[in-house]
Amino acid sequence: MKLFVGLGNPGAKYARNRHNVGFMAVDRIAGDHGFGPWRGKFQGEIAEGTLGGEKVLLLKPGTFMNRSGQSVQVAAAFYKLAPADITVFHDELDLAPGKVRVKSGGGHAGHNGLRSLHAHIGEGYHRVRIGIGHPGHKDKVSAYVLSDFAKAEADGLDDLLRGISDGAPDLARGEAGRFMNAVALRTAPAAKPKTLKPPGAADKSTAAESDPPPDTRGPLQRLIDHFR
């Protein structure tokens, strides 16, 4: 079994916050892949289903962000899961909006949810870091992460969550590269197809930039033309 954890704060007032993008990710996975209904358990909400042939438990801790580790620890102990069986979806200030990176282990970089996870289960879990950008100054971080995504960001956010959901089966199988490809297919703009020219067709841009014909006028003729 795999445990996919979305980080966020419970309650309607936080639902669209940037800090809650982890909740949004697991909600999209549950809806797109036919998971069972969300129900209360392990100090949070869980939904059960299958991804990539693997049984997966989705968890949204109900303990608020800075105590997320409590809920995860209880669920992991119940199913006897090691940190390597756990993948956490969370917001990442150090990535631009729309960017996603997969990481295993490492520090918590001051993220309160990850800090709590480190304290309760160690650092050996996997992370899906979902970029939300940085407000520019550390004093603005708290207000920024607890603010809603702007309306102008809605389409990009939807594409990002769809990409995460598309790649979720690959993630469950441990295929991080395929997961990243699935995200890129949703979020990267399609390359413009090249226009093919028929054989022998002249390239107007090349012709326009070609060297002018050599000047065959004599010195006297050039002087006369200059004063015309």
C-alpha atoms as a PDB file:
ATOM      1  CA  MET A   1       0.000   0.000   0.000  1.00  0.00           C
ATOM      2  CA  LYS A   2       1.025   3.606  -0.680  1.00  0.00           C
ATOM      3  CA  LEU A   3       0.004   6.627   1.351  1.00  0.00           C
ATOM      4  CA  PHE A   4      -0.494   9.902  -0.548  1.00  0.00           C
ATOM      5  CA  VAL A   5      -0.792  12.889   1.807  1.00  0.00           C
ATOM      6  CA  GLY A   6      -2.041  16.313   0.815  1.00  0.00           C
ATOM      7  CA  LEU A   7      -1.024  19.159   3.121  1.00  0.00           C
ATOM      8  CA  GLY A   8      -3.312  22.044   3.960  1.00  0.00           C
ATOM      9  CA  ASN A   9      -5.529  23.552   6.618  1.00  0.00           C
ATOM     10  CA  PRO A  10      -9.037  22.183   7.222  1.00  0.00           C
ATOM     11  CA  GLY A  11     -12.112  24.380   6.832  1.00  0.00           C
ATOM     12  CA  ALA A  12     -13.862  26.307   4.074  1.00  0.00           C
ATOM     13  CA  LYS A  13     -12.037  29.580   4.816  1.00  0.00           C
ATOM     14  CA  TYR A  14      -8.718  27.984   3.802  1.00  0.00           C
ATOM     15  CA  ALA A  15      -9.976  25.880   0.891  1.00  0.00           C
ATOM     16  CA  ARG A  16      -8.578  28.061  -1.945  1.00  0.00           C
ATOM     17  CA  ASN A  17      -5.415  29.219  -0.150  1.00  0.00           C
ATOM     18  CA  ARG A  18      -2.048  28.684  -1.806  1.00  0.00           C
ATOM     19  CA  HIS A  19      -1.044  26.749   1.330  1.00  0.00           C
ATOM     20  CA  ASN A  20      -3.832  24.248   0.528  1.00  0.00           C
ATOM     21  CA  VAL A  21      -2.654  23.195  -2.921  1.00  0.00           C
ATOM     22  CA  GLY A  22      -1.708  19.799  -1.444  1.00  0.00           C
ATOM     23  CA  PHE A  23      -5.355  19.229  -0.465  1.00  0.00           C
ATOM     24  CA  MET A  24      -6.384  20.310  -3.968  1.00  0.00           C
ATOM     25  CA  ALA A  25      -4.012  17.771  -5.530  1.00  0.00           C
ATOM     26  CA  VAL A  26      -5.329  14.752  -3.628  1.00  0.00           C
ATOM     27  CA  ASP A  27      -8.932  15.919  -4.140  1.00  0.00           C
ATOM     28  CA  ARG A  28      -8.322  15.946  -7.908  1.00  0.00           C
ATOM     29  CA  ILE A  29      -6.693  12.495  -7.801  1.00  0.00           C
ATOM     30  CA  ALA A  30      -9.646  11.092  -5.814  1.00  0.00           C
ATOM     31  CA  GLY A  31     -12.201  12.547  -8.222  1.00  0.00           C
ATOM     32  CA  ASP A  32     -10.425  11.553 -11.437  1.00  0.00           C
ATOM     33  CA  HIS A  33      -9.527   7.998 -10.425  1.00  0.00           C
ATOM     34  CA  GLY A  34     -12.760   6.782  -8.834  1.00  0.00           C
ATOM     35  CA  PHE A  35     -11.653   6.690  -5.205  1.00  0.00           C
ATOM     36  CA  GLY A  36     -14.198   5.948  -2.506  1.00  0.00           C
ATOM     37  CA  PRO A  37     -15.839   8.789  -0.570  1.00  0.00           C
ATOM     38  CA  TRP A  38     -13.849  10.828   1.904  1.00  0.00           C
ATOM     39  CA  ARG A  39     -14.425   9.738   5.512  1.00  0.00           C
ATOM     40  CA  GLY A  40     -13.053  10.742   8.874  1.00  0.00           C
ATOM     41  CA  LYS A  41     -10.149   8.691  10.234  1.00  0.00           C
ATOM     42  CA  PHE A  42      -6.566   9.104  11.526  1.00  0.00           C
ATOM     43  CA  GLN A  43      -7.270  12.667  12.730  1.00  0.00           C
ATOM     44  CA  GLY A  44      -8.158  13.676   9.193  1.00  0.00           C
ATOM     45  CA  GLU A  45     -10.022  12.537   6.086  1.00  0.00           C
ATOM     46  CA  ILE A  46      -9.152   9.492   3.991  1.00  0.00           C
ATOM     47  CA  ALA A  47     -10.214   8.051   0.634  1.00  0.00           C
ATOM     48  CA  GLU A  48      -9.212   4.631  -0.694  1.00  0.00           C
ATOM     49  CA  GLY A  49      -8.585   3.497  -4.266  1.00  0.00           C
ATOM     50  CA  THR A  50      -6.111   2.071  -6.745  1.00  0.00           C
ATOM     51  CA  LEU A  51      -3.465   3.786  -8.869  1.00  0.00           C
ATOM     52  CA  GLY A  52      -1.171   2.014 -11.308  1.00  0.00           C
ATOM     53  CA  GLY A  53      -2.104  -1.366  -9.858  1.00  0.00           C
ATOM     54  CA  GLU A  54      -1.188  -0.206  -6.333  1.00  0.00           C
ATOM     55  CA  LYS A  55      -3.624   0.199  -3.459  1.00  0.00           C
ATOM     56  CA  VAL A  56      -3.416   3.838  -2.386  1.00  0.00           C
ATOM     57  CA  LEU A  57      -4.760   5.662   0.659  1.00  0.00           C
ATOM     58  CA  LEU A  58      -5.256   9.416   0.264  1.00  0.00           C
ATOM     59  CA  LEU A  59      -5.042  11.439   3.473  1.00  0.00           C
ATOM     60  CA  LYS A  60      -5.870  15.055   4.295  1.00  0.00           C
ATOM     61  CA  PRO A  61      -4.770  15.760   7.891  1.00  0.00           C
ATOM     62  CA  GLY A  62      -7.387  17.596   9.922  1.00  0.00           C
ATOM     63  CA  THR A  63      -4.893  18.808  12.511  1.00  0.00           C
ATOM     64  CA  PHE A  64      -3.894  22.072  10.767  1.00  0.00           C
ATOM     65  CA  MET A  65      -0.667  22.451   8.861  1.00  0.00           C
ATOM     66  CA  ASN A  66       1.788  22.736  11.735  1.00  0.00           C
ATOM     67  CA  ARG A  67       0.593  19.446  13.271  1.00  0.00           C
ATOM     68  CA  SER A  68       0.183  17.426  10.062  1.00  0.00           C
ATOM     69  CA  GLY A  69       2.715  14.845  11.202  1.00  0.00           C
ATOM     70  CA  GLN A  70       0.408  13.575  13.947  1.00  0.00           C
ATOM     71  CA  SER A  71      -2.219  12.411  11.466  1.00  0.00           C
ATOM     72  CA  VAL A  72       0.346  10.892   9.099  1.00  0.00           C
ATOM     73  CA  GLN A  73       2.088   9.043  11.917  1.00  0.00           C
ATOM     74  CA  VAL A  74      -1.174   7.435  13.076  1.00  0.00           C
ATOM     75  CA  ALA A  75      -2.075   6.299   9.544  1.00  0.00           C
ATOM     76  CA  ALA A  76       1.428   4.992   8.833  1.00  0.00           C
ATOM     77  CA  ALA A  77       1.519   3.040  12.113  1.00  0.00           C
ATOM     78  CA  PHE A  78      -1.902   1.484  11.470  1.00  0.00           C
ATOM     79  CA  TYR A  79      -0.870   0.161   8.025  1.00  0.00           C
ATOM     80  CA  LYS A  80       2.754  -0.493   9.052  1.00  0.00           C
ATOM     81  CA  LEU A  81       4.088   1.806   6.355  1.00  0.00           C
ATOM     82  CA  ALA A  82       7.681   3.005   6.140  1.00  0.00           C
ATOM     83  CA  PRO A  83       8.477   6.628   5.181  1.00  0.00           C
ATOM     84  CA  ALA A  84       9.457   5.356   1.704  1.00  0.00           C
ATOM     85  CA  ASP A  85       5.794   4.314   1.190  1.00  0.00           C
ATOM     86  CA  ILE A  86       4.580   7.870   1.801  1.00  0.00           C
ATOM     87  CA  THR A  87       4.338  10.701  -0.755  1.00  0.00           C
ATOM     88  CA  VAL A  88       3.452  14.201   0.427  1.00  0.00           C
ATOM     89  CA  PHE A  89       1.978  16.900  -1.846  1.00  0.00           C
ATOM     90  CA  HIS A  90       2.733  20.417  -0.623  1.00  0.00           C
ATOM     91  CA  ASP A  91       3.134  24.055  -1.659  1.00  0.00           C
ATOM     92  CA  GLU A  92       6.662  25.254  -2.440  1.00  0.00           C
ATOM     93  CA  LEU A  93       7.703  28.912  -2.212  1.00  0.00           C
ATOM     94  CA  ASP A  94      11.027  28.300  -3.952  1.00  0.00           C
ATOM     95  CA  LEU A  95       9.387  27.135  -7.189  1.00  0.00           C
ATOM     96  CA  ALA A  96       7.625  29.387  -9.674  1.00  0.00           C
ATOM     97  CA  PRO A  97       3.849  28.961 -10.002  1.00  0.00           C
ATOM     98  CA  GLY A  98       3.019  26.005 -12.226  1.00  0.00           C
ATOM     99  CA  LYS A  99       6.321  24.227 -11.620  1.00  0.00           C
ATOM    100  CA  VAL A 100       6.444  20.791  -9.976  1.00  0.00           C
ATOM    101  CA  ARG A 101       9.402  18.808  -8.666  1.00  0.00           C
ATOM    102  CA  VAL A 102       9.664  15.375  -7.056  1.00  0.00           C
ATOM    103  CA  LYS A 103      12.071  14.914  -4.178  1.00  0.00           C
ATOM    104  CA  SER A 104      12.937  12.171  -1.697  1.00  0.00           C
ATOM    105  CA  GLY A 105      14.271  12.999   1.743  1.00  0.00           C
ATOM    106  CA  GLY A 106      16.093  16.190   2.675  1.00  0.00           C
ATOM    107  CA  GLY A 107      15.278  19.177   4.872  1.00  0.00           C
ATOM    108  CA  HIS A 108      11.948  20.901   5.465  1.00  0.00           C
ATOM    109  CA  ALA A 109      13.148  24.411   4.396  1.00  0.00           C
ATOM    110  CA  GLY A 110      10.992  26.032   7.088  1.00  0.00           C
ATOM    111  CA  HIS A 111       7.698  24.581   5.816  1.00  0.00           C
ATOM    112  CA  ASN A 112       5.591  24.007   8.936  1.00  0.00           C
ATOM    113  CA  GLY A 113       3.819  20.946   7.564  1.00  0.00           C
ATOM    114  CA  LEU A 114       7.073  19.274   6.568  1.00  0.00           C
ATOM    115  CA  ARG A 115       8.650  20.274   9.879  1.00  0.00           C
ATOM    116  CA  SER A 116       5.880  18.379  11.674  1.00  0.00           C
ATOM    117  CA  LEU A 117       6.306  15.354   9.403  1.00  0.00           C
ATOM    118  CA  HIS A 118      10.042  15.302  10.066  1.00  0.00           C
ATOM    119  CA  ALA A 119       9.352  15.260  13.802  1.00  0.00           C
ATOM    120  CA  HIS A 120       6.832  12.408  13.616  1.00  0.00           C
ATOM    121  CA  ILE A 121       8.050  10.056  10.845  1.00  0.00           C
ATOM    122  CA  GLY A 122      11.543  11.269   9.897  1.00  0.00           C
ATOM    123  CA  GLU A 123      12.676  12.749   6.590  1.00  0.00           C
ATOM    124  CA  GLY A 124      12.717   9.658   4.358  1.00  0.00           C
ATOM    125  CA  TYR A 125       9.351  10.244   2.692  1.00  0.00           C
ATOM    126  CA  HIS A 126       8.807  11.440  -0.892  1.00  0.00           C
ATOM    127  CA  ARG A 127       7.554  14.926  -1.733  1.00  0.00           C
ATOM    128  CA  VAL A 128       5.756  16.451  -4.689  1.00  0.00           C
ATOM    129  CA  ARG A 129       6.733  20.116  -4.449  1.00  0.00           C
ATOM    130  CA  ILE A 130       4.079  22.306  -6.094  1.00  0.00           C
ATOM    131  CA  GLY A 131       5.327  25.798  -6.933  1.00  0.00           C
ATOM    132  CA  ILE A 132       3.385  28.811  -5.728  1.00  0.00           C
ATOM    133  CA  GLY A 133       6.143  31.425  -6.120  1.00  0.00           C
ATOM    134  CA  HIS A 134       7.524  33.753  -3.453  1.00  0.00           C
ATOM    135  CA  PRO A 135       6.049  37.145  -2.460  1.00  0.00           C
ATOM    136  CA  GLY A 136       9.525  38.708  -2.488  1.00  0.00           C
ATOM    137  CA  HIS A 137      10.165  39.256   1.213  1.00  0.00           C
ATOM    138  CA  LYS A 138      10.055  36.834   4.149  1.00  0.00           C
ATOM    139  CA  ASP A 139       7.791  39.187   6.130  1.00  0.00           C
ATOM    140  CA  LYS A 140       5.088  38.737   3.493  1.00  0.00           C
ATOM    141  CA  VAL A 141       5.224  34.916   3.368  1.00  0.00           C
ATOM    142  CA  SER A 142       2.590  34.151   6.012  1.00  0.00           C
ATOM    143  CA  ALA A 143      -0.070  36.404   4.473  1.00  0.00           C
ATOM    144  CA  TYR A 144       0.844  35.208   0.984  1.00  0.00           C
ATOM    145  CA  VAL A 145       0.498  31.462   1.596  1.00  0.00           C
ATOM    146  CA  LEU A 146      -2.780  32.018   3.469  1.00  0.00           C
ATOM    147  CA  SER A 147      -4.247  34.048   0.599  1.00  0.00           C
ATOM    148  CA  ASP A 148      -6.335  32.548  -2.201  1.00  0.00           C
ATOM    149  CA  PHE A 149      -5.030  31.903  -5.681  1.00  0.00           C
ATOM    150  CA  ALA A 150      -5.920  34.856  -7.917  1.00  0.00           C
ATOM    151  CA  LYS A 151      -8.630  34.469 -10.563  1.00  0.00           C
ATOM    152  CA  ALA A 152      -5.991  34.993 -13.247  1.00  0.00           C
ATOM    153  CA  GLU A 153      -4.210  31.869 -11.975  1.00  0.00           C
ATOM    154  CA  ALA A 154      -7.280  29.609 -12.228  1.00  0.00           C
ATOM    155  CA  ASP A 155      -6.599  28.122 -15.670  1.00  0.00           C
ATOM    156  CA  GLY A 156      -2.942  27.447 -14.938  1.00  0.00           C
ATOM    157  CA  LEU A 157      -3.810  25.880 -11.588  1.00  0.00           C
ATOM    158  CA  ASP A 158      -6.400  23.630 -13.200  1.00  0.00           C
ATOM    159  CA  ASP A 159      -3.900  22.433 -15.817  1.00  0.00           C
ATOM    160  CA  LEU A 160      -1.350  21.771 -13.088  1.00  0.00           C
ATOM    161  CA  LEU A 161      -3.762  19.719 -10.961  1.00  0.00           C
ATOM    162  CA  ARG A 162      -4.900  17.763 -14.020  1.00  0.00           C
ATOM    163  CA  GLY A 163      -1.274  16.966 -14.823  1.00  0.00           C
ATOM    164  CA  ILE A 164      -0.622  15.775 -11.272  1.00  0.00           C
ATOM    165  CA  SER A 165      -3.709  13.580 -11.450  1.00  0.00           C
ATOM    166  CA  ASP A 166      -2.731  12.210 -14.880  1.00  0.00           C
ATOM    167  CA  GLY A 167       0.664  11.196 -13.523  1.00  0.00           C
ATOM    168  CA  ALA A 168      -0.550   9.817 -10.184  1.00  0.00           C
ATOM    169  CA  PRO A 169      -0.548   6.152 -11.355  1.00  0.00           C
ATOM    170  CA  ASP A 170       3.106   6.531 -12.419  1.00  0.00           C
ATOM    171  CA  LEU A 171       3.931   8.088  -9.057  1.00  0.00           C
ATOM    172  CA  ALA A 172       2.313   5.151  -7.243  1.00  0.00           C
ATOM    173  CA  ARG A 173       4.531   2.789  -9.258  1.00  0.00           C
ATOM    174  CA  GLY A 174       7.608   4.789  -8.301  1.00  0.00           C
ATOM    175  CA  GLU A 175       8.127   6.174 -11.817  1.00  0.00           C
ATOM    176  CA  ALA A 176       8.872   9.805 -11.044  1.00  0.00           C
ATOM    177  CA  GLY A 177      10.124  10.584 -14.557  1.00  0.00           C
ATOM    178  CA  ARG A 178       6.880   9.437 -16.180  1.00  0.00           C
ATOM    179  CA  PHE A 179       4.945  11.432 -13.582  1.00  0.00           C
ATOM    180  CA  MET A 180       6.865  14.586 -14.510  1.00  0.00           C
ATOM    181  CA  ASN A 181       6.192  13.938 -18.205  1.00  0.00           C
ATOM    182  CA  ALA A 182       2.455  13.723 -17.499  1.00  0.00           C
ATOM    183  CA  VAL A 183       2.560  17.074 -15.690  1.00  0.00           C
ATOM    184  CA  ALA A 184       4.552  18.662 -18.522  1.00  0.00           C
ATOM    185  CA  LEU A 185       2.023  17.510 -21.123  1.00  0.00           C
ATOM    186  CA  ARG A 186      -0.646  19.536 -19.307  1.00  0.00           C
ATOM    187  CA  THR A 187       1.393  22.585 -18.373  1.00  0.00           C
ATOM    188  CA  ALA A 188       3.985  23.120 -21.129  1.00  0.00           C
ATOM    189  CA  PRO A 189       2.760  25.015 -24.219  1.00  0.00           C
ATOM    190  CA  ALA A 190       2.689  22.888 -27.331  1.00  0.00           C
ATOM    191  CA  ALA A 191       5.493  23.545 -29.804  1.00  0.00           C
ATOM    192  CA  LYS A 192       4.393  25.341 -32.973  1.00  0.00           C
ATOM    193  CA  PRO A 193       4.574  22.972 -35.947  1.00  0.00           C
ATOM    194  CA  LYS A 194       7.004  24.001 -38.665  1.00  0.00           C
ATOM    195  CA  THR A 195       5.496  24.958 -42.023  1.00  0.00           C
ATOM    196  CA  LEU A 196       6.859  22.716 -44.741  1.00  0.00           C
ATOM    197  CA  LYS A 197       7.745  24.363 -48.063  1.00  0.00           C
ATOM    198  CA  PRO A 198       7.299  22.564 -51.370  1.00  0.00           C
ATOM    199  CA  PRO A 199      10.565  21.443 -52.992  1.00  0.00           C
ATOM    200  CA  GLY A 200      12.284  24.280 -54.830  1.00  0.00           C
ATOM    201  CA  ALA A 201      10.178  27.013 -53.200  1.00  0.00           C
ATOM    202  CA  ALA A 202      12.108  30.218 -52.572  1.00  0.00           C
ATOM    203  CA  ASP A 203      12.575  31.420 -49.015  1.00  0.00           C
ATOM    204  CA  LYS A 204      11.416  35.063 -49.052  1.00  0.00           C
ATOM    205  CA  SER A 205      13.144  35.935 -45.813  1.00  0.00           C
ATOM    206  CA  THR A 206      16.441  34.575 -47.105  1.00  0.00           C
ATOM    207  CA  ALA A 207      16.044  36.397 -50.423  1.00  0.00           C
ATOM    208  CA  ALA A 208      15.321  39.672 -48.651  1.00  0.00           C
ATOM    209  CA  GLU A 209      18.480  39.335 -46.593  1.00  0.00           C
ATOM    210  CA  SER A 210      20.760  38.335 -49.510  1.00  0.00           C
ATOM    211  CA  ASP A 211      23.608  40.597 -50.599  1.00  0.00           C
ATOM    212  CA  PRO A 212      22.757  43.375 -53.143  1.00  0.00           C
ATOM    213  CA  PRO A 213      24.125  42.969 -56.695  1.00  0.00           C
ATOM    214  CA  PRO A 214      27.644  44.378 -57.224  1.00  0.00           C
ATOM    215  CA  ASP A 215      27.924  48.053 -58.250  1.00  0.00           C
ATOM    216  CA  THR A 216      29.365  48.088 -61.781  1.00  0.00           C
ATOM    217  CA  ARG A 217      29.252  51.889 -62.269  1.00  0.00           C
ATOM    218  CA  GLY A 218      32.468  53.768 -62.879  1.00  0.00           C
ATOM    219  CA  PRO A 219      33.747  56.483 -60.475  1.00  0.00           C
ATOM    220  CA  LEU A 220      32.435  59.347 -62.636  1.00  0.00           C
ATOM    221  CA  GLN A 221      28.969  57.801 -62.961  1.00  0.00           C
ATOM    222  CA  ARG A 222      28.784  57.226 -59.207  1.00  0.00           C
ATOM    223  CA  LEU A 223      29.697  60.898 -58.582  1.00  0.00           C
ATOM    224  CA  ILE A 224      27.029  62.096 -61.031  1.00  0.00           C
ATOM    225  CA  ASP A 225      24.387  59.817 -59.425  1.00  0.00           C
ATOM    226  CA  HIS A 226      25.326  61.092 -55.964  1.00  0.00           C
ATOM    227  CA  PHE A 227      24.445  64.709 -56.852  1.00  0.00           C
ATOM    228  CA  ARG A 228      21.209  63.935 -58.659  1.00  0.00           C
END
